[in-house]
Amino acid sequence: MATLKNCTTISSAVQDAIMLFQLIVYIPVLILGLLLNTIAFWVFCCKLKRWTETRVYMINLMVADCSLLFALPFLIYFTKNEHPIDKLCFSIEMIYFTNSPMSIFIIMLIAIDRYIAIKFPLKAKALRSPLKSACICGFLWIMQIGYSYFSTLFKKEREKYCFQKHSTQPAYLTSFSICFRYFIPLGIIIFCSIQAIRCLRKKMASSLHETKLIQKAIHIISVNLCVFILCFSPIYIALILRLAAEAAGACHLLSKVRASIQILSCLANSNCCLDAFCYYFAAKESQEFPSLLPACISVRSKVNQSQESQQPTDQVIT
């Protein structure tokens, strides 16, 4: 057992450096994230009068982000110390491993909703509704909570310490989790974003004002997609590398991979703060909270056009 633990043991100097890096990243993320998410939550819940699909998704995204922010201080402590998997640890791991993937799933739903609204503006009225969005989010919450509960129970049988993996046995369930929780949503988000950009380019209006608004939408979609990929891809690639190293029995690599995972998780977790910036950026662009776009994209057309050209723009907004 000592040999197995040595495979994933990080030296005290490296662990101290990682701890310092986490504090440098997480302290601003916690302060800004809690402040901005709280204000945004108040705006979406109390100030907006009309329920839209966007509003439903954004509120669910804020719940996931705030829950993740709540778990971060415990994550820092448990990562630094060898805390046993007790009831507190079990609860925090449940919160963390439920809400982190939920953020990805909700962003995926937002991308799908946006794609349908832009690509199929006539069918969108029948396919989209706030009630349907709420039901889909509720189903995902139930499934994710159930999966996190059983996967945390499974981990409890294999590991001794909270948020730490010392076993060198490859957890092949992790490969399914990585694929289902990230790479499949990533493929869907990329497809929907690219298709949305193509459709918007085709809908460039003759009006200079309208064209600028659409160009802003295309720019924000592109930036948002890049931020999503940059935040989440490194940590999931590192998890795949850890699984490969465990399967190959590369003991000398596991400690390095584990250190990389702790560093890259900071980048992934900071996304819950970046989401809050997106809320306000979208509001500033549109100058109206109800016109916030999914995935932080907002364009409000104030130019009256024909019914055919107006429908795609309106659908992008709602």
C-alpha atoms as a PDB file:
ATOM      1  CA  MET A   1       0.000   0.000   0.000  1.00  0.00           C
ATOM      2  CA  ALA A   2       2.866   2.359   0.762  1.00  0.00           C
ATOM      3  CA  THR A   3       4.279   1.746  -2.715  1.00  0.00           C
ATOM      4  CA  LEU A   4       0.925   2.501  -4.314  1.00  0.00           C
ATOM      5  CA  LYS A   5       0.626   5.706  -2.341  1.00  0.00           C
ATOM      6  CA  ASN A   6       4.139   6.788  -3.331  1.00  0.00           C
ATOM      7  CA  CYS A   7       3.060   6.656  -6.960  1.00  0.00           C
ATOM      8  CA  THR A   8       0.671   9.539  -6.420  1.00  0.00           C
ATOM      9  CA  THR A   9       2.363  11.304  -3.506  1.00  0.00           C
ATOM     10  CA  ILE A  10       3.357  14.892  -4.261  1.00  0.00           C
ATOM     11  CA  SER A  11       6.407  16.338  -2.524  1.00  0.00           C
ATOM     12  CA  SER A  12       5.731  18.868   0.208  1.00  0.00           C
ATOM     13  CA  ALA A  13       7.458  21.658  -1.745  1.00  0.00           C
ATOM     14  CA  VAL A  14       5.333  21.050  -4.829  1.00  0.00           C
ATOM     15  CA  GLN A  15       2.187  20.721  -2.716  1.00  0.00           C
ATOM     16  CA  ASP A  16       2.928  24.042  -1.010  1.00  0.00           C
ATOM     17  CA  ALA A  17       3.412  25.693  -4.392  1.00  0.00           C
ATOM     18  CA  ILE A  18       0.116  24.257  -5.614  1.00  0.00           C
ATOM     19  CA  MET A  19      -1.598  25.455  -2.442  1.00  0.00           C
ATOM     20  CA  LEU A  20      -0.267  28.975  -2.985  1.00  0.00           C
ATOM     21  CA  PHE A  21      -1.421  28.923  -6.600  1.00  0.00           C
ATOM     22  CA  GLN A  22      -4.892  27.760  -5.556  1.00  0.00           C
ATOM     23  CA  LEU A  23      -5.171  30.584  -3.027  1.00  0.00           C
ATOM     24  CA  ILE A  24      -4.076  33.155  -5.609  1.00  0.00           C
ATOM     25  CA  VAL A  25      -6.714  31.906  -8.044  1.00  0.00           C
ATOM     26  CA  TYR A  26      -9.566  30.952  -5.726  1.00  0.00           C
ATOM     27  CA  ILE A  27      -9.661  34.015  -3.447  1.00  0.00           C
ATOM     28  CA  PRO A  28     -10.545  36.431  -6.295  1.00  0.00           C
ATOM     29  CA  VAL A  29     -12.849  33.804  -7.825  1.00  0.00           C
ATOM     30  CA  LEU A  30     -14.718  33.391  -4.533  1.00  0.00           C
ATOM     31  CA  ILE A  31     -15.074  37.114  -3.880  1.00  0.00           C
ATOM     32  CA  LEU A  32     -16.082  38.118  -7.396  1.00  0.00           C
ATOM     33  CA  GLY A  33     -18.063  34.966  -8.049  1.00  0.00           C
ATOM     34  CA  LEU A  34     -20.227  35.246  -4.949  1.00  0.00           C
ATOM     35  CA  LEU A  35     -20.780  38.963  -5.435  1.00  0.00           C
ATOM     36  CA  LEU A  36     -21.629  38.880  -9.127  1.00  0.00           C
ATOM     37  CA  ASN A  37     -23.657  35.674  -8.994  1.00  0.00           C
ATOM     38  CA  THR A  38     -25.687  36.989  -6.060  1.00  0.00           C
ATOM     39  CA  ILE A  39     -26.509  40.209  -7.895  1.00  0.00           C
ATOM     40  CA  ALA A  40     -27.280  38.355 -11.109  1.00  0.00           C
ATOM     41  CA  PHE A  41     -29.469  35.882  -9.222  1.00  0.00           C
ATOM     42  CA  TRP A  42     -31.409  38.762  -7.676  1.00  0.00           C
ATOM     43  CA  VAL A  43     -31.886  40.365 -11.093  1.00  0.00           C
ATOM     44  CA  PHE A  44     -33.047  37.178 -12.809  1.00  0.00           C
ATOM     45  CA  CYS A  45     -35.350  36.133  -9.978  1.00  0.00           C
ATOM     46  CA  CYS A  46     -36.764  39.456  -8.809  1.00  0.00           C
ATOM     47  CA  LYS A  47     -36.404  42.032 -11.564  1.00  0.00           C
ATOM     48  CA  LEU A  48     -37.397  40.190 -14.713  1.00  0.00           C
ATOM     49  CA  LYS A  49     -41.109  39.961 -15.326  1.00  0.00           C
ATOM     50  CA  ARG A  50     -41.264  37.572 -18.274  1.00  0.00           C
ATOM     51  CA  TRP A  51     -40.147  33.957 -18.043  1.00  0.00           C
ATOM     52  CA  THR A  52     -38.152  32.819 -21.058  1.00  0.00           C
ATOM     53  CA  GLU A  53     -36.058  29.772 -21.880  1.00  0.00           C
ATOM     54  CA  THR A  54     -32.955  31.890 -21.365  1.00  0.00           C
ATOM     55  CA  ARG A  55     -34.071  32.954 -17.905  1.00  0.00           C
ATOM     56  CA  VAL A  56     -34.705  29.341 -16.857  1.00  0.00           C
ATOM     57  CA  TYR A  57     -31.286  28.190 -18.073  1.00  0.00           C
ATOM     58  CA  MET A  58     -29.454  31.146 -16.568  1.00  0.00           C
ATOM     59  CA  ILE A  59     -31.028  30.641 -13.133  1.00  0.00           C
ATOM     60  CA  ASN A  60     -30.054  26.965 -13.205  1.00  0.00           C
ATOM     61  CA  LEU A  61     -26.545  27.921 -14.280  1.00  0.00           C
ATOM     62  CA  MET A  62     -26.277  30.400 -11.418  1.00  0.00           C
ATOM     63  CA  VAL A  63     -27.437  27.755  -8.917  1.00  0.00           C
ATOM     64  CA  ALA A  64     -24.733  25.395 -10.179  1.00  0.00           C
ATOM     65  CA  ASP A  65     -22.081  28.132 -10.082  1.00  0.00           C
ATOM     66  CA  CYS A  66     -23.001  29.302  -6.569  1.00  0.00           C
ATOM     67  CA  SER A  67     -23.003  25.721  -5.261  1.00  0.00           C
ATOM     68  CA  LEU A  68     -19.587  25.190  -6.776  1.00  0.00           C
ATOM     69  CA  LEU A  69     -18.304  28.380  -5.161  1.00  0.00           C
ATOM     70  CA  PHE A  70     -19.591  27.125  -1.803  1.00  0.00           C
ATOM     71  CA  ALA A  71     -17.539  23.935  -2.175  1.00  0.00           C
ATOM     72  CA  LEU A  72     -14.276  25.649  -3.147  1.00  0.00           C
ATOM     73  CA  PRO A  73     -12.989  26.518   0.376  1.00  0.00           C
ATOM     74  CA  PHE A  74     -13.551  22.909   1.455  1.00  0.00           C
ATOM     75  CA  LEU A  75     -11.843  21.715  -1.723  1.00  0.00           C
ATOM     76  CA  ILE A  76      -8.740  23.725  -0.865  1.00  0.00           C
ATOM     77  CA  TYR A  77      -8.622  22.349   2.675  1.00  0.00           C
ATOM     78  CA  PHE A  78      -9.272  18.740   1.687  1.00  0.00           C
ATOM     79  CA  THR A  79      -6.675  18.909  -1.080  1.00  0.00           C
ATOM     80  CA  LYS A  80      -4.030  20.152   1.339  1.00  0.00           C
ATOM     81  CA  ASN A  81      -4.867  17.806   4.214  1.00  0.00           C
ATOM     82  CA  GLU A  82      -5.534  14.093   4.325  1.00  0.00           C
ATOM     83  CA  HIS A  83      -9.098  14.397   5.549  1.00  0.00           C
ATOM     84  CA  PRO A  84     -10.994  11.095   5.897  1.00  0.00           C
ATOM     85  CA  ILE A  85     -14.119  10.504   3.842  1.00  0.00           C
ATOM     86  CA  ASP A  86     -16.665  11.307   6.520  1.00  0.00           C
ATOM     87  CA  LYS A  87     -20.156  12.793   6.229  1.00  0.00           C
ATOM     88  CA  LEU A  88     -18.831  16.312   5.664  1.00  0.00           C
ATOM     89  CA  CYS A  89     -16.488  15.130   2.944  1.00  0.00           C
ATOM     90  CA  PHE A  90     -19.230  13.040   1.342  1.00  0.00           C
ATOM     91  CA  SER A  91     -21.567  16.054   1.249  1.00  0.00           C
ATOM     92  CA  ILE A  92     -18.965  18.416  -0.214  1.00  0.00           C
ATOM     93  CA  GLU A  93     -17.915  15.898  -2.844  1.00  0.00           C
ATOM     94  CA  MET A  94     -21.580  15.425  -3.759  1.00  0.00           C
ATOM     95  CA  ILE A  95     -21.997  19.190  -4.176  1.00  0.00           C
ATOM     96  CA  TYR A  96     -18.799  19.567  -6.181  1.00  0.00           C
ATOM     97  CA  PHE A  97     -19.187  16.568  -8.481  1.00  0.00           C
ATOM     98  CA  THR A  98     -22.858  17.398  -9.100  1.00  0.00           C
ATOM     99  CA  ASN A  99     -22.591  21.078  -9.898  1.00  0.00           C
ATOM    100  CA  SER A 100     -19.374  21.091 -11.907  1.00  0.00           C
ATOM    101  CA  PRO A 101     -20.802  18.833 -14.676  1.00  0.00           C
ATOM    102  CA  MET A 102     -24.196  20.533 -14.377  1.00  0.00           C
ATOM    103  CA  SER A 103     -22.601  23.799 -15.473  1.00  0.00           C
ATOM    104  CA  ILE A 104     -21.387  22.050 -18.610  1.00  0.00           C
ATOM    105  CA  PHE A 105     -24.764  20.407 -19.249  1.00  0.00           C
ATOM    106  CA  ILE A 106     -26.653  23.692 -18.864  1.00  0.00           C
ATOM    107  CA  ILE A 107     -24.260  25.482 -21.208  1.00  0.00           C
ATOM    108  CA  MET A 108     -24.885  22.631 -23.654  1.00  0.00           C
ATOM    109  CA  LEU A 109     -28.657  23.119 -23.314  1.00  0.00           C
ATOM    110  CA  ILE A 110     -28.225  26.837 -23.905  1.00  0.00           C
ATOM    111  CA  ALA A 111     -26.242  26.148 -27.073  1.00  0.00           C
ATOM    112  CA  ILE A 112     -28.906  23.719 -28.320  1.00  0.00           C
ATOM    113  CA  ASP A 113     -31.684  26.174 -27.512  1.00  0.00           C
ATOM    114  CA  ARG A 114     -29.873  28.960 -29.347  1.00  0.00           C
ATOM    115  CA  TYR A 115     -29.227  26.715 -32.349  1.00  0.00           C
ATOM    116  CA  ILE A 116     -32.889  25.733 -32.619  1.00  0.00           C
ATOM    117  CA  ALA A 117     -33.992  29.360 -32.265  1.00  0.00           C
ATOM    118  CA  ILE A 118     -31.703  30.551 -35.054  1.00  0.00           C
ATOM    119  CA  LYS A 119     -31.778  27.561 -37.406  1.00  0.00           C
ATOM    120  CA  PHE A 120     -35.479  26.732 -37.119  1.00  0.00           C
ATOM    121  CA  PRO A 121     -37.242  29.979 -36.137  1.00  0.00           C
ATOM    122  CA  LEU A 122     -40.708  28.762 -37.154  1.00  0.00           C
ATOM    123  CA  LYS A 123     -40.477  25.393 -35.394  1.00  0.00           C
ATOM    124  CA  ALA A 124     -38.815  26.991 -32.366  1.00  0.00           C
ATOM    125  CA  LYS A 125     -42.134  28.279 -31.048  1.00  0.00           C
ATOM    126  CA  ALA A 126     -43.429  24.723 -30.768  1.00  0.00           C
ATOM    127  CA  LEU A 127     -40.146  23.168 -29.615  1.00  0.00           C
ATOM    128  CA  ARG A 128     -39.161  25.777 -27.036  1.00  0.00           C
ATOM    129  CA  SER A 129     -40.932  26.964 -23.903  1.00  0.00           C
ATOM    130  CA  PRO A 130     -39.920  27.926 -20.350  1.00  0.00           C
ATOM    131  CA  LEU A 131     -41.810  24.920 -18.967  1.00  0.00           C
ATOM    132  CA  LYS A 132     -39.986  22.503 -21.271  1.00  0.00           C
ATOM    133  CA  SER A 133     -36.668  24.083 -20.325  1.00  0.00           C
ATOM    134  CA  ALA A 134     -37.474  23.741 -16.624  1.00  0.00           C
ATOM    135  CA  CYS A 135     -38.456  20.074 -17.048  1.00  0.00           C
ATOM    136  CA  ILE A 136     -35.246  19.285 -18.929  1.00  0.00           C
ATOM    137  CA  CYS A 137     -33.137  21.005 -16.268  1.00  0.00           C
ATOM    138  CA  GLY A 138     -35.025  19.176 -13.500  1.00  0.00           C
ATOM    139  CA  PHE A 139     -34.421  15.836 -15.203  1.00  0.00           C
ATOM    140  CA  LEU A 140     -30.712  16.591 -15.562  1.00  0.00           C
ATOM    141  CA  TRP A 141     -30.440  17.616 -11.907  1.00  0.00           C
ATOM    142  CA  ILE A 142     -32.043  14.342 -10.780  1.00  0.00           C
ATOM    143  CA  MET A 143     -29.818  12.240 -13.031  1.00  0.00           C
ATOM    144  CA  GLN A 144     -26.650  14.087 -12.060  1.00  0.00           C
ATOM    145  CA  ILE A 145     -27.355  13.973  -8.327  1.00  0.00           C
ATOM    146  CA  GLY A 146     -28.039  10.240  -8.555  1.00  0.00           C
ATOM    147  CA  TYR A 147     -24.880   9.592 -10.553  1.00  0.00           C
ATOM    148  CA  SER A 148     -22.751  11.692  -8.187  1.00  0.00           C
ATOM    149  CA  TYR A 149     -24.182   9.897  -5.163  1.00  0.00           C
ATOM    150  CA  PHE A 150     -23.345   6.403  -6.422  1.00  0.00           C
ATOM    151  CA  SER A 151     -19.954   7.398  -7.853  1.00  0.00           C
ATOM    152  CA  THR A 152     -19.035   9.004  -4.512  1.00  0.00           C
ATOM    153  CA  LEU A 153     -20.094   5.832  -2.711  1.00  0.00           C
ATOM    154  CA  PHE A 154     -17.953   3.817  -5.123  1.00  0.00           C
ATOM    155  CA  LYS A 155     -14.984   6.096  -4.479  1.00  0.00           C
ATOM    156  CA  LYS A 156     -15.464   5.732  -0.721  1.00  0.00           C
ATOM    157  CA  GLU A 157     -14.788   2.005  -1.069  1.00  0.00           C
ATOM    158  CA  ARG A 158     -11.516   2.609  -2.953  1.00  0.00           C
ATOM    159  CA  GLU A 159     -10.029   5.720  -1.362  1.00  0.00           C
ATOM    160  CA  LYS A 160      -9.258   6.863   2.188  1.00  0.00           C
ATOM    161  CA  TYR A 161      -8.989  10.629   1.855  1.00  0.00           C
ATOM    162  CA  CYS A 162     -11.329  13.330   0.616  1.00  0.00           C
ATOM    163  CA  PHE A 163     -10.717  14.733  -2.888  1.00  0.00           C
ATOM    164  CA  GLN A 164      -7.558  12.634  -3.180  1.00  0.00           C
ATOM    165  CA  LYS A 165      -6.895   9.602  -5.345  1.00  0.00           C
ATOM    166  CA  HIS A 166      -4.032   7.432  -4.124  1.00  0.00           C
ATOM    167  CA  SER A 167      -5.116   4.181  -5.699  1.00  0.00           C
ATOM    168  CA  THR A 168      -3.239   3.331  -8.903  1.00  0.00           C
ATOM    169  CA  GLN A 169      -5.972   1.007 -10.140  1.00  0.00           C
ATOM    170  CA  PRO A 170      -7.595   2.552 -13.232  1.00  0.00           C
ATOM    171  CA  ALA A 171     -11.206   3.537 -12.597  1.00  0.00           C
ATOM    172  CA  TYR A 172     -12.708   2.741 -15.975  1.00  0.00           C
ATOM    173  CA  LEU A 173     -15.964   4.314 -14.858  1.00  0.00           C
ATOM    174  CA  THR A 174     -14.035   7.578 -15.075  1.00  0.00           C
ATOM    175  CA  SER A 175     -13.601   7.150 -18.820  1.00  0.00           C
ATOM    176  CA  PHE A 176     -17.379   6.950 -19.250  1.00  0.00           C
ATOM    177  CA  SER A 177     -17.791   9.976 -16.993  1.00  0.00           C
ATOM    178  CA  ILE A 178     -15.229  12.008 -18.953  1.00  0.00           C
ATOM    179  CA  CYS A 179     -16.874  11.164 -22.259  1.00  0.00           C
ATOM    180  CA  PHE A 180     -20.441  11.705 -21.115  1.00  0.00           C
ATOM    181  CA  ARG A 181     -19.811  14.742 -18.932  1.00  0.00           C
ATOM    182  CA  TYR A 182     -17.521  16.680 -21.243  1.00  0.00           C
ATOM    183  CA  PHE A 183     -16.563  15.429 -24.676  1.00  0.00           C
ATOM    184  CA  ILE A 184     -20.105  14.681 -25.856  1.00  0.00           C
ATOM    185  CA  PRO A 185     -21.390  18.074 -24.586  1.00  0.00           C
ATOM    186  CA  LEU A 186     -18.293  19.704 -26.108  1.00  0.00           C
ATOM    187  CA  GLY A 187     -19.076  18.225 -29.518  1.00  0.00           C
ATOM    188  CA  ILE A 188     -22.687  19.400 -29.277  1.00  0.00           C
ATOM    189  CA  ILE A 189     -21.670  22.904 -28.175  1.00  0.00           C
ATOM    190  CA  ILE A 190     -19.128  23.233 -31.001  1.00  0.00           C
ATOM    191  CA  PHE A 191     -21.643  22.015 -33.594  1.00  0.00           C
ATOM    192  CA  CYS A 192     -24.444  24.298 -32.376  1.00  0.00           C
ATOM    193  CA  SER A 193     -22.156  27.323 -32.073  1.00  0.00           C
ATOM    194  CA  ILE A 194     -20.694  26.897 -35.566  1.00  0.00           C
ATOM    195  CA  GLN A 195     -24.152  26.405 -37.078  1.00  0.00           C
ATOM    196  CA  ALA A 196     -25.488  29.453 -35.216  1.00  0.00           C
ATOM    197  CA  ILE A 197     -22.614  31.586 -36.526  1.00  0.00           C
ATOM    198  CA  ARG A 198     -23.227  30.373 -40.097  1.00  0.00           C
ATOM    199  CA  CYS A 199     -26.927  31.165 -39.868  1.00  0.00           C
ATOM    200  CA  LEU A 200     -26.283  34.620 -38.447  1.00  0.00           C
ATOM    201  CA  ARG A 201     -23.826  35.414 -41.235  1.00  0.00           C
ATOM    202  CA  LYS A 202     -26.447  34.466 -43.796  1.00  0.00           C
ATOM    203  CA  LYS A 203     -28.951  36.749 -42.079  1.00  0.00           C
ATOM    204  CA  MET A 204     -26.789  39.855 -42.340  1.00  0.00           C
ATOM    205  CA  ALA A 205     -29.305  42.658 -42.832  1.00  0.00           C
ATOM    206  CA  SER A 206     -29.063  45.584 -45.172  1.00  0.00           C
ATOM    207  CA  SER A 207     -29.420  47.934 -42.218  1.00  0.00           C
ATOM    208  CA  LEU A 208     -26.033  48.969 -40.866  1.00  0.00           C
ATOM    209  CA  HIS A 209     -27.340  48.958 -37.273  1.00  0.00           C
ATOM    210  CA  GLU A 210     -28.780  45.468 -37.636  1.00  0.00           C
ATOM    211  CA  THR A 211     -25.593  44.174 -39.223  1.00  0.00           C
ATOM    212  CA  LYS A 212     -23.481  45.484 -36.348  1.00  0.00           C
ATOM    213  CA  LEU A 213     -25.741  43.779 -33.830  1.00  0.00           C
ATOM    214  CA  ILE A 214     -25.441  40.465 -35.621  1.00  0.00           C
ATOM    215  CA  GLN A 215     -21.675  40.880 -35.836  1.00  0.00           C
ATOM    216  CA  LYS A 216     -21.599  41.417 -32.073  1.00  0.00           C
ATOM    217  CA  ALA A 217     -23.600  38.225 -31.601  1.00  0.00           C
ATOM    218  CA  ILE A 218     -21.163  36.273 -33.770  1.00  0.00           C
ATOM    219  CA  HIS A 219     -18.206  37.705 -31.887  1.00  0.00           C
ATOM    220  CA  ILE A 220     -19.654  36.863 -28.468  1.00  0.00           C
ATOM    221  CA  ILE A 221     -20.589  33.314 -29.566  1.00  0.00           C
ATOM    222  CA  SER A 222     -17.010  32.770 -30.757  1.00  0.00           C
ATOM    223  CA  VAL A 223     -15.438  34.187 -27.594  1.00  0.00           C
ATOM    224  CA  ASN A 224     -17.778  32.227 -25.359  1.00  0.00           C
ATOM    225  CA  LEU A 225     -16.959  28.976 -27.162  1.00  0.00           C
ATOM    226  CA  CYS A 226     -13.223  29.619 -26.845  1.00  0.00           C
ATOM    227  CA  VAL A 227     -13.533  30.395 -23.119  1.00  0.00           C
ATOM    228  CA  PHE A 228     -15.487  27.185 -22.560  1.00  0.00           C
ATOM    229  CA  ILE A 229     -12.876  25.087 -24.369  1.00  0.00           C
ATOM    230  CA  LEU A 230      -9.941  26.768 -22.622  1.00  0.00           C
ATOM    231  CA  CYS A 231     -11.489  26.390 -19.171  1.00  0.00           C
ATOM    232  CA  PHE A 232     -12.605  22.771 -19.308  1.00  0.00           C
ATOM    233  CA  SER A 233     -10.496  20.953 -21.910  1.00  0.00           C
ATOM    234  CA  PRO A 234      -7.163  20.938 -19.998  1.00  0.00           C
ATOM    235  CA  ILE A 235      -8.580  19.293 -16.858  1.00  0.00           C
ATOM    236  CA  TYR A 236     -10.400  16.573 -18.785  1.00  0.00           C
ATOM    237  CA  ILE A 237      -7.353  15.870 -20.933  1.00  0.00           C
ATOM    238  CA  ALA A 238      -5.325  15.551 -17.722  1.00  0.00           C
ATOM    239  CA  LEU A 239      -7.895  13.088 -16.351  1.00  0.00           C
ATOM    240  CA  ILE A 240      -7.516  10.989 -19.500  1.00  0.00           C
ATOM    241  CA  LEU A 241      -3.735  11.062 -19.084  1.00  0.00           C
ATOM    242  CA  ARG A 242      -4.097   9.887 -15.485  1.00  0.00           C
ATOM    243  CA  LEU A 243      -6.320   7.021 -16.595  1.00  0.00           C
ATOM    244  CA  ALA A 244      -3.799   6.075 -19.299  1.00  0.00           C
ATOM    245  CA  ALA A 245      -0.899   6.231 -16.830  1.00  0.00           C
ATOM    246  CA  GLU A 246      -2.807   4.029 -14.374  1.00  0.00           C
ATOM    247  CA  ALA A 247      -3.653   1.503 -17.078  1.00  0.00           C
ATOM    248  CA  ALA A 248      -0.029   1.429 -18.265  1.00  0.00           C
ATOM    249  CA  GLY A 249       1.313   1.201 -14.710  1.00  0.00           C
ATOM    250  CA  ALA A 250       3.441   4.319 -15.218  1.00  0.00           C
ATOM    251  CA  CYS A 251       3.974   5.002 -11.532  1.00  0.00           C
ATOM    252  CA  HIS A 252       6.559   7.727 -12.115  1.00  0.00           C
ATOM    253  CA  LEU A 253       4.015   9.832 -14.046  1.00  0.00           C
ATOM    254  CA  LEU A 254       1.091   9.639 -11.651  1.00  0.00           C
ATOM    255  CA  SER A 255       2.379  12.167  -9.128  1.00  0.00           C
ATOM    256  CA  LYS A 256       3.058  14.663 -11.935  1.00  0.00           C
ATOM    257  CA  VAL A 257      -0.361  14.096 -13.438  1.00  0.00           C
ATOM    258  CA  ARG A 258      -2.023  14.501 -10.052  1.00  0.00           C
ATOM    259  CA  ALA A 259      -0.208  17.812  -9.530  1.00  0.00           C
ATOM    260  CA  SER A 260      -1.314  18.927 -12.995  1.00  0.00           C
ATOM    261  CA  ILE A 261      -4.935  18.028 -12.208  1.00  0.00           C
ATOM    262  CA  GLN A 262      -4.885  20.163  -9.058  1.00  0.00           C
ATOM    263  CA  ILE A 263      -3.545  23.129 -11.031  1.00  0.00           C
ATOM    264  CA  LEU A 264      -5.836  22.715 -14.032  1.00  0.00           C
ATOM    265  CA  SER A 265      -8.887  22.292 -11.805  1.00  0.00           C
ATOM    266  CA  CYS A 266      -8.365  25.919 -10.760  1.00  0.00           C
ATOM    267  CA  LEU A 267      -8.844  26.957 -14.374  1.00  0.00           C
ATOM    268  CA  ALA A 268     -11.984  24.852 -14.724  1.00  0.00           C
ATOM    269  CA  ASN A 269     -13.494  26.058 -11.443  1.00  0.00           C
ATOM    270  CA  SER A 270     -12.830  29.701 -12.314  1.00  0.00           C
ATOM    271  CA  ASN A 271     -15.461  29.357 -15.025  1.00  0.00           C
ATOM    272  CA  CYS A 272     -18.162  29.793 -12.371  1.00  0.00           C
ATOM    273  CA  CYS A 273     -16.835  33.327 -11.925  1.00  0.00           C
ATOM    274  CA  LEU A 274     -16.481  33.981 -15.655  1.00  0.00           C
ATOM    275  CA  ASP A 275     -20.138  33.067 -16.150  1.00  0.00           C
ATOM    276  CA  ALA A 276     -21.082  35.983 -13.911  1.00  0.00           C
ATOM    277  CA  PHE A 277     -19.074  38.384 -16.057  1.00  0.00           C
ATOM    278  CA  CYS A 278     -20.952  37.062 -19.070  1.00  0.00           C
ATOM    279  CA  TYR A 279     -24.308  37.939 -17.488  1.00  0.00           C
ATOM    280  CA  TYR A 280     -23.305  41.566 -17.142  1.00  0.00           C
ATOM    281  CA  PHE A 281     -21.549  41.762 -20.475  1.00  0.00           C
ATOM    282  CA  ALA A 282     -24.691  40.502 -22.150  1.00  0.00           C
ATOM    283  CA  ALA A 283     -26.843  42.980 -20.256  1.00  0.00           C
ATOM    284  CA  LYS A 284     -24.564  45.851 -21.199  1.00  0.00           C
ATOM    285  CA  GLU A 285     -24.643  44.910 -24.864  1.00  0.00           C
ATOM    286  CA  SER A 286     -28.418  44.677 -24.996  1.00  0.00           C
ATOM    287  CA  GLN A 287     -29.203  47.439 -22.465  1.00  0.00           C
ATOM    288  CA  GLU A 288     -32.185  45.321 -21.469  1.00  0.00           C
ATOM    289  CA  PHE A 289     -32.014  42.327 -19.076  1.00  0.00           C
ATOM    290  CA  PRO A 290     -34.854  40.439 -20.810  1.00  0.00           C
ATOM    291  CA  SER A 291     -32.806  40.244 -23.997  1.00  0.00           C
ATOM    292  CA  LEU A 292     -29.976  38.249 -22.461  1.00  0.00           C
ATOM    293  CA  LEU A 293     -28.931  35.513 -24.829  1.00  0.00           C
ATOM    294  CA  PRO A 294     -28.087  31.934 -23.953  1.00  0.00           C
ATOM    295  CA  ALA A 295     -24.432  31.376 -23.120  1.00  0.00           C
ATOM    296  CA  CYS A 296     -23.932  35.073 -22.492  1.00  0.00           C
ATOM    297  CA  ILE A 297     -24.903  36.160 -26.001  1.00  0.00           C
ATOM    298  CA  SER A 298     -27.207  39.107 -26.348  1.00  0.00           C
ATOM    299  CA  VAL A 299     -28.399  41.043 -29.327  1.00  0.00           C
ATOM    300  CA  ARG A 300     -31.546  43.161 -29.366  1.00  0.00           C
ATOM    301  CA  SER A 301     -32.733  44.297 -32.737  1.00  0.00           C
ATOM    302  CA  LYS A 302     -34.483  47.647 -32.596  1.00  0.00           C
ATOM    303  CA  VAL A 303     -34.992  47.948 -36.317  1.00  0.00           C
ATOM    304  CA  ASN A 304     -38.383  46.960 -37.704  1.00  0.00           C
ATOM    305  CA  GLN A 305     -38.020  44.497 -40.549  1.00  0.00           C
ATOM    306  CA  SER A 306     -40.254  42.159 -42.447  1.00  0.00           C
ATOM    307  CA  GLN A 307     -41.665  39.140 -40.583  1.00  0.00           C
ATOM    308  CA  GLU A 308     -39.268  36.747 -42.261  1.00  0.00           C
ATOM    309  CA  SER A 309     -36.106  38.656 -41.340  1.00  0.00           C
ATOM    310  CA  GLN A 310     -37.391  39.637 -37.894  1.00  0.00           C
ATOM    311  CA  GLN A 311     -38.149  36.099 -36.648  1.00  0.00           C
ATOM    312  CA  PRO A 312     -34.568  34.774 -36.573  1.00  0.00           C
ATOM    313  CA  THR A 313     -33.328  37.884 -34.728  1.00  0.00           C
ATOM    314  CA  ASP A 314     -36.094  37.729 -32.140  1.00  0.00           C
ATOM    315  CA  GLN A 315     -35.538  34.026 -31.614  1.00  0.00           C
ATOM    316  CA  VAL A 316     -31.844  34.665 -30.966  1.00  0.00           C
ATOM    317  CA  ILE A 317     -32.818  37.001 -28.156  1.00  0.00           C
ATOM    318  CA  THR A 318     -35.412  34.911 -26.404  1.00  0.00           C
END
